[in-house]
Amino acid sequence: MTLMRTLPATTSYAVGFGVSSFNAPPSHLRYRRFVIANASAEPSDKSVEIMRKFSEQYARRSGTYFCVDKSVTSVVIKGLADHKDSLGAPLCPCRHYDDKAAEATQGFWNCPCVPMRERKECHCMLFLTPDNDFAGNEQVITMEEIKESTANM
């Protein structure tokens, strides 16, 4: 088990007389600890299966569909599973983060992310509305499809 610490930055600026100040957070908020569960190169089959089932269920619930190219769906599900293993949360795998552990604890980009929940906008193309040019007509993907399309990656 590996522990990491980050410092939240809090800065305030006064405009007008060129005054700026740095406000340190209270001592009980200065350090956050994050557990890295499993930093393997491949996500566990269990996590892939969990994210596969979640994706199918969420697609049905939200009225969205997987990409017509199932390899896109497979790669995203596998990326979510990898983050679930390494960060403890299904952080969106299609974005860049300066600090993945901090982002995972904040939850904004954990799948389904806030833009998906609020506006049905999925940056990863995992959940597509029927009017999207890349939307297929399926809300189901098998473990075999995921394994086949990601075998050479």
Protein backbone atom coordinates (compact mmCIF):
# COMPACT_ATOMS: atom_id res chain seq x y z
CA MET A 1 0.00 0.00 0.00
CA THR A 2 1.43 3.34 -1.04
CA LEU A 3 0.38 6.62 0.51
CA MET A 4 0.65 9.94 -1.27
CA ARG A 5 0.20 13.44 0.11
CA THR A 6 -0.92 16.56 -1.66
CA LEU A 7 -1.34 20.10 -0.49
CA PRO A 8 -4.48 21.92 -1.52
CA ALA A 9 -3.64 25.39 -2.77
CA THR A 10 -5.69 28.31 -1.52
CA THR A 11 -4.82 31.72 -2.84
CA SER A 12 -6.66 34.99 -2.54
CA TYR A 13 -5.91 38.23 -4.36
CA ALA A 14 -6.95 41.76 -3.50
CA VAL A 15 -7.34 44.04 -6.51
CA GLY A 16 -6.58 47.73 -6.46
CA PHE A 17 -3.54 48.43 -4.33
CA GLY A 18 -1.37 45.55 -5.55
CA VAL A 19 -1.96 43.51 -2.39
CA SER A 20 -1.94 39.74 -2.64
CA SER A 21 -1.85 37.14 0.08
CA PHE A 22 -1.56 33.41 0.45
CA ASN A 23 -3.95 31.82 2.92
CA ALA A 24 -2.74 28.46 4.14
CA PRO A 25 -5.51 25.98 4.85
CA PRO A 26 -6.19 24.98 8.44
CA SER A 27 -3.72 22.38 9.70
CA HIS A 28 -6.32 19.58 9.70
CA LEU A 29 -6.86 20.13 5.93
CA ARG A 30 -3.25 20.48 4.83
CA TYR A 31 -2.56 16.85 3.97
CA ARG A 32 -4.83 14.46 2.18
CA ARG A 33 -3.92 10.82 1.96
CA PHE A 34 -4.68 8.67 -1.03
CA VAL A 35 -4.37 4.93 -1.26
CA ILE A 36 -3.05 3.43 -4.45
CA ALA A 37 -4.64 -0.01 -4.46
CA ASN A 38 -2.96 -1.74 -7.35
CA ALA A 39 -0.57 -0.10 -9.80
CA SER A 40 -0.49 -2.92 -12.35
CA ALA A 41 -0.09 -2.45 -16.09
CA GLU A 42 -3.43 -4.17 -16.77
CA PRO A 43 -6.65 -3.73 -14.84
CA SER A 44 -8.00 -6.79 -13.06
CA ASP A 45 -10.67 -8.85 -14.81
CA LYS A 46 -12.90 -8.18 -11.81
CA SER A 47 -12.64 -4.40 -12.29
CA VAL A 48 -13.19 -4.68 -16.05
CA GLU A 49 -16.31 -6.76 -15.39
CA ILE A 50 -17.57 -4.24 -12.80
CA MET A 51 -17.06 -1.34 -15.22
CA ARG A 52 -18.62 -3.33 -18.10
CA LYS A 53 -21.76 -3.99 -16.07
CA PHE A 54 -21.86 -0.40 -14.83
CA SER A 55 -21.53 0.91 -18.41
CA GLU A 56 -24.35 -1.27 -19.69
CA GLN A 57 -26.63 -0.30 -16.81
CA TYR A 58 -25.85 3.41 -17.11
CA ALA A 59 -26.38 3.39 -20.88
CA ARG A 60 -29.84 1.87 -20.38
CA ARG A 61 -30.71 4.26 -17.54
CA SER A 62 -29.52 7.37 -19.37
CA GLY A 63 -30.93 6.44 -22.79
CA THR A 64 -27.48 6.52 -24.36
CA TYR A 65 -25.66 4.05 -26.62
CA PHE A 66 -22.15 2.74 -27.09
CA CYS A 67 -20.02 3.89 -30.00
CA VAL A 68 -20.65 2.13 -33.29
CA ASP A 69 -16.95 1.11 -33.08
CA LYS A 70 -16.96 -1.18 -30.04
CA SER A 71 -13.17 -0.89 -29.69
CA VAL A 72 -13.74 2.69 -28.46
CA THR A 73 -16.12 1.37 -25.80
CA SER A 74 -13.68 -1.39 -24.88
CA VAL A 75 -10.71 0.93 -24.42
CA VAL A 76 -12.70 3.36 -22.28
CA ILE A 77 -14.10 0.57 -20.07
CA LYS A 78 -10.62 -0.84 -19.63
CA GLY A 79 -9.28 2.64 -18.76
CA LEU A 80 -12.01 3.12 -16.17
CA ALA A 81 -11.18 -0.29 -14.68
CA ASP A 82 -7.48 0.60 -14.56
CA HIS A 83 -8.25 3.79 -12.65
CA LYS A 84 -10.60 1.88 -10.36
CA ASP A 85 -7.72 -0.48 -9.52
CA SER A 86 -5.01 2.15 -9.20
CA LEU A 87 -6.97 5.08 -7.74
CA GLY A 88 -9.98 3.45 -6.14
CA ALA A 89 -12.36 5.38 -8.41
CA PRO A 90 -13.34 5.19 -12.11
CA LEU A 91 -11.67 8.45 -13.13
CA CYS A 92 -12.29 9.44 -16.75
CA PRO A 93 -9.39 7.90 -18.73
CA CYS A 94 -9.67 10.33 -21.64
CA ARG A 95 -8.47 13.47 -19.89
CA HIS A 96 -5.08 14.73 -18.70
CA TYR A 97 -4.64 15.34 -14.98
CA ASP A 98 -1.75 16.94 -13.15
CA ASP A 99 -2.70 14.89 -10.08
CA LYS A 100 -4.93 11.88 -10.80
CA ALA A 101 -5.31 10.92 -7.14
CA ALA A 102 -6.57 14.39 -6.21
CA GLU A 103 -8.99 14.41 -9.15
CA ALA A 104 -10.32 10.98 -8.19
CA THR A 105 -11.13 12.15 -4.65
CA GLN A 106 -12.87 15.30 -5.91
CA GLY A 107 -15.25 13.18 -7.99
CA PHE A 108 -16.00 15.67 -10.79
CA TRP A 109 -14.39 13.47 -13.47
CA ASN A 110 -15.35 10.11 -11.95
CA CYS A 111 -17.60 8.20 -14.31
CA PRO A 112 -20.28 9.21 -14.93
CA CYS A 113 -18.70 12.66 -14.77
CA VAL A 114 -20.61 15.84 -14.02
CA PRO A 115 -20.91 16.90 -17.70
CA MET A 116 -22.42 13.48 -18.49
CA ARG A 117 -24.84 13.56 -15.58
CA GLU A 118 -25.90 17.16 -16.21
CA ARG A 119 -25.85 17.48 -20.02
CA LYS A 120 -25.26 13.97 -21.41
CA GLU A 121 -21.85 15.04 -22.74
CA CYS A 122 -19.36 12.15 -22.63
CA HIS A 123 -15.86 13.25 -23.62
CA CYS A 124 -14.79 9.58 -23.89
CA MET A 125 -17.59 8.65 -26.32
CA LEU A 126 -18.67 5.86 -23.98
CA PHE A 127 -22.21 7.14 -23.56
CA LEU A 128 -23.59 8.68 -26.75
CA THR A 129 -27.01 10.18 -27.33
CA PRO A 130 -28.97 8.67 -30.26
CA ASP A 131 -28.48 11.83 -32.35
CA ASN A 132 -24.67 11.52 -32.19
CA ASP A 133 -23.14 10.49 -35.53
CA PHE A 134 -20.93 7.92 -33.76
CA ALA A 135 -23.69 6.33 -31.67
CA GLY A 136 -24.39 2.69 -32.37
CA ASN A 137 -27.62 0.97 -31.48
CA GLU A 138 -26.29 -1.20 -28.65
CA GLN A 139 -26.17 -0.83 -24.90
CA VAL A 140 -24.45 -4.17 -24.36
CA ILE A 141 -20.82 -5.27 -24.66
CA THR A 142 -19.37 -8.63 -23.66
CA MET A 143 -16.10 -9.37 -21.89
CA GLU A 144 -15.06 -11.26 -25.02
CA GLU A 145 -15.56 -8.14 -27.17
CA ILE A 146 -13.51 -6.09 -24.71
CA LYS A 147 -10.70 -8.67 -24.63
CA GLU A 148 -10.67 -9.09 -28.43
CA SER A 149 -10.55 -5.40 -29.25
CA THR A 150 -7.90 -4.57 -26.65
CA ALA A 151 -5.71 -7.69 -27.07
CA ASN A 152 -2.97 -5.94 -29.07
CA MET A 153 -2.80 -2.82 -26.93
